[in-house]
Amino acid sequence: MGAKDIILEVLKKESEPLNASRITELTGLDRKEVDKAMKALKDEELIVSPKRCYWEPKKQQ
C-alpha cells in the first residue's frame, strides 16, 4: 500500500478534517512523504480542504 492509499484510509476513518502534522502522527510516515502524497491526492481531486490547512476525503456523489 502506497503513501497515498494510507493517507486516504486515515482520512476516511477520522470523523473530522486533519492537518498534515496529525496525518504524519497517525500514519508514521515521513512529513515530506505525506506532503508529496497529499499534493498528488489534491491534484487527483480525492481530498478537499473545508478550512485552511485541513483536509478530508472528497464526498462521493
PDB file of N, CA and C in Angstrom:
ATOM      1  N   MET A   1       0.856  -1.177   0.000  1.00  0.00           N
ATOM      2  CA  MET A   1       0.000   0.000   0.000  1.00  0.00           C
ATOM      3  C   MET A   1       0.900   1.237   0.000  1.00  0.00           C
ATOM      4  N   GLY A   2       0.627   2.153  -0.920  1.00  0.00           N
ATOM      5  CA  GLY A   2       1.423   3.363  -1.035  1.00  0.00           C
ATOM      6  C   GLY A   2       0.998   4.431  -0.042  1.00  0.00           C
ATOM      7  N   ALA A   3       1.791   5.479   0.035  1.00  0.00           N
ATOM      8  CA  ALA A   3       1.513   6.574   0.967  1.00  0.00           C
ATOM      9  C   ALA A   3       0.151   7.207   0.692  1.00  0.00           C
ATOM     10  N   LYS A   4      -0.203   7.367  -0.589  1.00  0.00           N
ATOM     11  CA  LYS A   4      -1.499   7.967  -0.924  1.00  0.00           C
ATOM     12  C   LYS A   4      -2.641   7.123  -0.373  1.00  0.00           C
ATOM     13  N   ASP A   5      -2.533   5.799  -0.534  1.00  0.00           N
ATOM     14  CA  ASP A   5      -3.583   4.900  -0.045  1.00  0.00           C
ATOM     15  C   ASP A   5      -3.695   4.955   1.476  1.00  0.00           C
ATOM     16  N   ILE A   6      -2.547   4.985   2.153  1.00  0.00           N
ATOM     17  CA  ILE A   6      -2.526   5.024   3.616  1.00  0.00           C
ATOM     18  C   ILE A   6      -3.182   6.318   4.109  1.00  0.00           C
ATOM     19  N   ILE A   7      -2.810   7.432   3.504  1.00  0.00           N
ATOM     20  CA  ILE A   7      -3.362   8.729   3.919  1.00  0.00           C
ATOM     21  C   ILE A   7      -4.855   8.797   3.655  1.00  0.00           C
ATOM     22  N   LEU A   8      -5.289   8.308   2.513  1.00  0.00           N
ATOM     23  CA  LEU A   8      -6.715   8.330   2.188  1.00  0.00           C
ATOM     24  C   LEU A   8      -7.517   7.480   3.176  1.00  0.00           C
ATOM     25  N   GLU A   9      -6.979   6.327   3.571  1.00  0.00           N
ATOM     26  CA  GLU A   9      -7.654   5.469   4.552  1.00  0.00           C
ATOM     27  C   GLU A   9      -7.769   6.172   5.905  1.00  0.00           C
ATOM     28  N   VAL A  10      -6.697   6.826   6.351  1.00  0.00           N
ATOM     29  CA  VAL A  10      -6.725   7.547   7.627  1.00  0.00           C
ATOM     30  C   VAL A  10      -7.758   8.665   7.580  1.00  0.00           C
ATOM     31  N   LEU A  11      -7.795   9.410   6.481  1.00  0.00           N
ATOM     32  CA  LEU A  11      -8.772  10.495   6.354  1.00  0.00           C
ATOM     33  C   LEU A  11     -10.205   9.965   6.368  1.00  0.00           C
ATOM     34  N   LYS A  12     -10.417   8.810   5.754  1.00  0.00           N
ATOM     35  CA  LYS A  12     -11.769   8.230   5.730  1.00  0.00           C
ATOM     36  C   LYS A  12     -12.194   7.744   7.115  1.00  0.00           C
ATOM     37  N   LYS A  13     -11.244   7.244   7.907  1.00  0.00           N
ATOM     38  CA  LYS A  13     -11.562   6.714   9.240  1.00  0.00           C
ATOM     39  C   LYS A  13     -11.859   7.808  10.252  1.00  0.00           C
ATOM     40  N   GLU A  14     -11.210   8.957  10.103  1.00  0.00           N
ATOM     41  CA  GLU A  14     -11.394  10.046  11.066  1.00  0.00           C
ATOM     42  C   GLU A  14     -12.702  10.780  10.793  1.00  0.00           C
ATOM     43  N   SER A  15     -13.302  11.283  11.857  1.00  0.00           N
ATOM     44  CA  SER A  15     -14.594  11.955  11.715  1.00  0.00           C
ATOM     45  C   SER A  15     -14.456  13.453  11.479  1.00  0.00           C
ATOM     46  N   GLU A  16     -13.220  13.956  11.503  1.00  0.00           N
ATOM     47  CA  GLU A  16     -13.002  15.383  11.297  1.00  0.00           C
ATOM     48  C   GLU A  16     -11.830  15.602  10.352  1.00  0.00           C
ATOM     49  N   PRO A  17     -11.764  16.755   9.708  1.00  0.00           N
ATOM     50  CA  PRO A  17     -10.632  17.064   8.821  1.00  0.00           C
ATOM     51  C   PRO A  17      -9.322  17.079   9.607  1.00  0.00           C
ATOM     52  N   LEU A  18      -8.245  16.670   8.956  1.00  0.00           N
ATOM     53  CA  LEU A  18      -6.936  16.583   9.601  1.00  0.00           C
ATOM     54  C   LEU A  18      -5.927  17.460   8.884  1.00  0.00           C
ATOM     55  N   ASN A  19      -4.939  17.950   9.646  1.00  0.00           N
ATOM     56  CA  ASN A  19      -3.841  18.678   9.011  1.00  0.00           C
ATOM     57  C   ASN A  19      -2.681  17.699   8.778  1.00  0.00           C
ATOM     58  N   ALA A  20      -1.680  18.148   8.049  1.00  0.00           N
ATOM     59  CA  ALA A  20      -0.573  17.270   7.665  1.00  0.00           C
ATOM     60  C   ALA A  20       0.197  16.751   8.882  1.00  0.00           C
ATOM     61  N   SER A  21       0.341  17.561   9.912  1.00  0.00           N
ATOM     62  CA  SER A  21       1.049  17.117  11.119  1.00  0.00           C
ATOM     63  C   SER A  21       0.327  15.948  11.786  1.00  0.00           C
ATOM     64  N   ARG A  22      -0.975  16.046  11.880  1.00  0.00           N
ATOM     65  CA  ARG A  22      -1.766  14.966  12.505  1.00  0.00           C
ATOM     66  C   ARG A  22      -1.727  13.712  11.644  1.00  0.00           C
ATOM     67  N   ILE A  23      -1.763  13.873  10.329  1.00  0.00           N
ATOM     68  CA  ILE A  23      -1.678  12.720   9.433  1.00  0.00           C
ATOM     69  C   ILE A  23      -0.323  12.035   9.597  1.00  0.00           C
ATOM     70  N   THR A  24       0.733  12.840   9.746  1.00  0.00           N
ATOM     71  CA  THR A  24       2.074  12.288   9.968  1.00  0.00           C
ATOM     72  C   THR A  24       2.102  11.460  11.246  1.00  0.00           C
ATOM     73  N   GLU A  25       1.491  11.969  12.319  1.00  0.00           N
ATOM     74  CA  GLU A  25       1.438  11.246  13.586  1.00  0.00           C
ATOM     75  C   GLU A  25       0.678   9.932  13.453  1.00  0.00           C
ATOM     76  N   LEU A  26      -0.470   9.968  12.796  1.00  0.00           N
ATOM     77  CA  LEU A  26      -1.325   8.784  12.697  1.00  0.00           C
ATOM     78  C   LEU A  26      -0.756   7.701  11.782  1.00  0.00           C
ATOM     79  N   THR A  27      -0.041   8.107  10.738  1.00  0.00           N
ATOM     80  CA  THR A  27       0.458   7.126   9.767  1.00  0.00           C
ATOM     81  C   THR A  27       1.877   6.659  10.050  1.00  0.00           C
ATOM     82  N   GLY A  28       2.666   7.485  10.728  1.00  0.00           N
ATOM     83  CA  GLY A  28       4.059   7.151  10.957  1.00  0.00           C
ATOM     84  C   GLY A  28       4.938   7.405   9.738  1.00  0.00           C
ATOM     85  N   LEU A  29       4.369   8.035   8.716  1.00  0.00           N
ATOM     86  CA  LEU A  29       5.133   8.354   7.512  1.00  0.00           C
ATOM     87  C   LEU A  29       5.969   9.611   7.738  1.00  0.00           C
ATOM     88  N   ASP A  30       6.999   9.793   6.931  1.00  0.00           N
ATOM     89  CA  ASP A  30       7.823  10.989   6.962  1.00  0.00           C
ATOM     90  C   ASP A  30       7.009  12.182   6.477  1.00  0.00           C
ATOM     91  N   ARG A  31       7.228  13.350   7.047  1.00  0.00           N
ATOM     92  CA  ARG A  31       6.444  14.540   6.710  1.00  0.00           C
ATOM     93  C   ARG A  31       6.564  14.893   5.222  1.00  0.00           C
ATOM     94  N   LYS A  32       7.768  14.768   4.659  1.00  0.00           N
ATOM     95  CA  LYS A  32       7.940  15.085   3.238  1.00  0.00           C
ATOM     96  C   LYS A  32       7.135  14.126   2.369  1.00  0.00           C
ATOM     97  N   GLU A  33       7.086  12.872   2.768  1.00  0.00           N
ATOM     98  CA  GLU A  33       6.312  11.870   2.026  1.00  0.00           C
ATOM     99  C   GLU A  33       4.818  12.182   2.118  1.00  0.00           C
ATOM    100  N   VAL A  34       4.364  12.605   3.299  1.00  0.00           N
ATOM    101  CA  VAL A  34       2.960  12.983   3.491  1.00  0.00           C
ATOM    102  C   VAL A  34       2.614  14.187   2.614  1.00  0.00           C
ATOM    103  N   ASP A  35       3.464  15.203   2.625  1.00  0.00           N
ATOM    104  CA  ASP A  35       3.205  16.401   1.812  1.00  0.00           C
ATOM    105  C   ASP A  35       3.126  16.062   0.329  1.00  0.00           C
ATOM    106  N   LYS A  36       4.044  15.226  -0.131  1.00  0.00           N
ATOM    107  CA  LYS A  36       4.070  14.837  -1.548  1.00  0.00           C
ATOM    108  C   LYS A  36       2.802  14.051  -1.922  1.00  0.00           C
ATOM    109  N   ALA A  37       2.420  13.101  -1.073  1.00  0.00           N
ATOM    110  CA  ALA A  37       1.231  12.286  -1.342  1.00  0.00           C
ATOM    111  C   ALA A  37      -0.038  13.134  -1.285  1.00  0.00           C
ATOM    112  N   MET A  38      -0.101  14.068  -0.344  1.00  0.00           N
ATOM    113  CA  MET A  38      -1.289  14.914  -0.230  1.00  0.00           C
ATOM    114  C   MET A  38      -1.416  15.838  -1.434  1.00  0.00           C
ATOM    115  N   LYS A  39      -0.309  16.324  -1.962  1.00  0.00           N
ATOM    116  CA  LYS A  39      -0.351  17.141  -3.169  1.00  0.00           C
ATOM    117  C   LYS A  39      -0.912  16.326  -4.329  1.00  0.00           C
ATOM    118  N   ALA A  40      -0.474  15.077  -4.444  1.00  0.00           N
ATOM    119  CA  ALA A  40      -0.972  14.208  -5.506  1.00  0.00           C
ATOM    120  C   ALA A  40      -2.464  13.937  -5.321  1.00  0.00           C
ATOM    121  N   LEU A  41      -2.898  13.683  -4.085  1.00  0.00           N
ATOM    122  CA  LEU A  41      -4.315  13.445  -3.816  1.00  0.00           C
ATOM    123  C   LEU A  41      -5.153  14.678  -4.145  1.00  0.00           C
ATOM    124  N   LYS A  42      -4.621  15.849  -3.831  1.00  0.00           N
ATOM    125  CA  LYS A  42      -5.330  17.093  -4.142  1.00  0.00           C
ATOM    126  C   LYS A  42      -5.434  17.281  -5.651  1.00  0.00           C
ATOM    127  N   ASP A  43      -4.339  17.030  -6.370  1.00  0.00           N
ATOM    128  CA  ASP A  43      -4.349  17.159  -7.827  1.00  0.00           C
ATOM    129  C   ASP A  43      -5.327  16.191  -8.482  1.00  0.00           C
ATOM    130  N   GLU A  44      -5.495  15.012  -7.880  1.00  0.00           N
ATOM    131  CA  GLU A  44      -6.432  13.999  -8.387  1.00  0.00           C
ATOM    132  C   GLU A  44      -7.854  14.254  -7.895  1.00  0.00           C
ATOM    133  N   GLU A  45      -8.029  15.318  -7.111  1.00  0.00           N
ATOM    134  CA  GLU A  45      -9.329  15.702  -6.552  1.00  0.00           C
ATOM    135  C   GLU A  45      -9.948  14.604  -5.690  1.00  0.00           C
ATOM    136  N   LEU A  46      -9.109  13.910  -4.920  1.00  0.00           N
ATOM    137  CA  LEU A  46      -9.586  12.889  -3.999  1.00  0.00           C
ATOM    138  C   LEU A  46      -9.750  13.428  -2.581  1.00  0.00           C
ATOM    139  N   ILE A  47      -9.102  14.586  -2.293  1.00  0.00           N
ATOM    140  CA  ILE A  47      -9.262  15.230  -0.997  1.00  0.00           C
ATOM    141  C   ILE A  47      -9.624  16.693  -1.221  1.00  0.00           C
ATOM    142  N   VAL A  48     -10.323  17.264  -0.241  1.00  0.00           N
ATOM    143  CA  VAL A  48     -10.718  18.673  -0.298  1.00  0.00           C
ATOM    144  C   VAL A  48     -10.391  19.323   1.046  1.00  0.00           C
ATOM    145  N   SER A  49     -10.299  20.644   1.018  1.00  0.00           N
ATOM    146  CA  SER A  49      -9.977  21.399   2.227  1.00  0.00           C
ATOM    147  C   SER A  49     -11.184  22.222   2.665  1.00  0.00           C
ATOM    148  N   PRO A  50     -11.868  21.798   3.746  1.00  0.00           N
ATOM    149  CA  PRO A  50     -13.017  22.565   4.234  1.00  0.00           C
ATOM    150  C   PRO A  50     -12.595  23.849   4.942  1.00  0.00           C
ATOM    151  N   LYS A  51     -11.364  23.859   5.467  1.00  0.00           N
ATOM    152  CA  LYS A  51     -10.799  25.071   6.051  1.00  0.00           C
ATOM    153  C   LYS A  51      -9.291  25.016   5.856  1.00  0.00           C
ATOM    154  N   ARG A  52      -8.663  26.149   5.902  1.00  0.00           N
ATOM    155  CA  ARG A  52      -7.239  26.262   5.580  1.00  0.00           C
ATOM    156  C   ARG A  52      -6.385  25.239   6.328  1.00  0.00           C
ATOM    157  N   CYS A  53      -5.576  24.497   5.570  1.00  0.00           N
ATOM    158  CA  CYS A  53      -4.592  23.528   6.086  1.00  0.00           C
ATOM    159  C   CYS A  53      -5.206  22.258   6.670  1.00  0.00           C
ATOM    160  N   TYR A  54      -6.482  22.048   6.531  1.00  0.00           N
ATOM    161  CA  TYR A  54      -7.127  20.818   6.995  1.00  0.00           C
ATOM    162  C   TYR A  54      -7.750  20.122   5.805  1.00  0.00           C
ATOM    163  N   TRP A  55      -7.684  18.800   5.817  1.00  0.00           N
ATOM    164  CA  TRP A  55      -8.119  18.016   4.653  1.00  0.00           C
ATOM    165  C   TRP A  55      -9.053  16.884   5.055  1.00  0.00           C
ATOM    166  N   GLU A  56      -9.930  16.542   4.122  1.00  0.00           N
ATOM    167  CA  GLU A  56     -10.837  15.414   4.288  1.00  0.00           C
ATOM    168  C   GLU A  56     -11.071  14.794   2.913  1.00  0.00           C
ATOM    169  N   PRO A  57     -11.511  13.536   2.881  1.00  0.00           N
ATOM    170  CA  PRO A  57     -11.777  12.923   1.567  1.00  0.00           C
ATOM    171  C   PRO A  57     -12.943  13.623   0.885  1.00  0.00           C
ATOM    172  N   LYS A  58     -12.869  13.688  -0.426  1.00  0.00           N
ATOM    173  CA  LYS A  58     -13.948  14.304  -1.202  1.00  0.00           C
ATOM    174  C   LYS A  58     -15.181  13.414  -1.095  1.00  0.00           C
ATOM    175  N   LYS A  59     -16.320  14.030  -0.886  1.00  0.00           N
ATOM    176  CA  LYS A  59     -17.584  13.280  -0.779  1.00  0.00           C
ATOM    177  C   LYS A  59     -17.953  12.735  -2.148  1.00  0.00           C
ATOM    178  N   GLN A  60     -18.324  11.466  -2.196  1.00  0.00           N
ATOM    179  CA  GLN A  60     -18.753  10.848  -3.441  1.00  0.00           C
ATOM    180  C   GLN A  60     -20.201  11.228  -3.705  1.00  0.00           C
ATOM    181  N   GLN A  61     -20.510  11.513  -4.954  1.00  0.00           N
ATOM    182  CA  GLN A  61     -21.873  11.934  -5.296  1.00  0.00           C
ATOM    183  C   GLN A  61     -22.715  10.795  -5.784  1.00  0.00           C
TER     184      GLN A  61
END
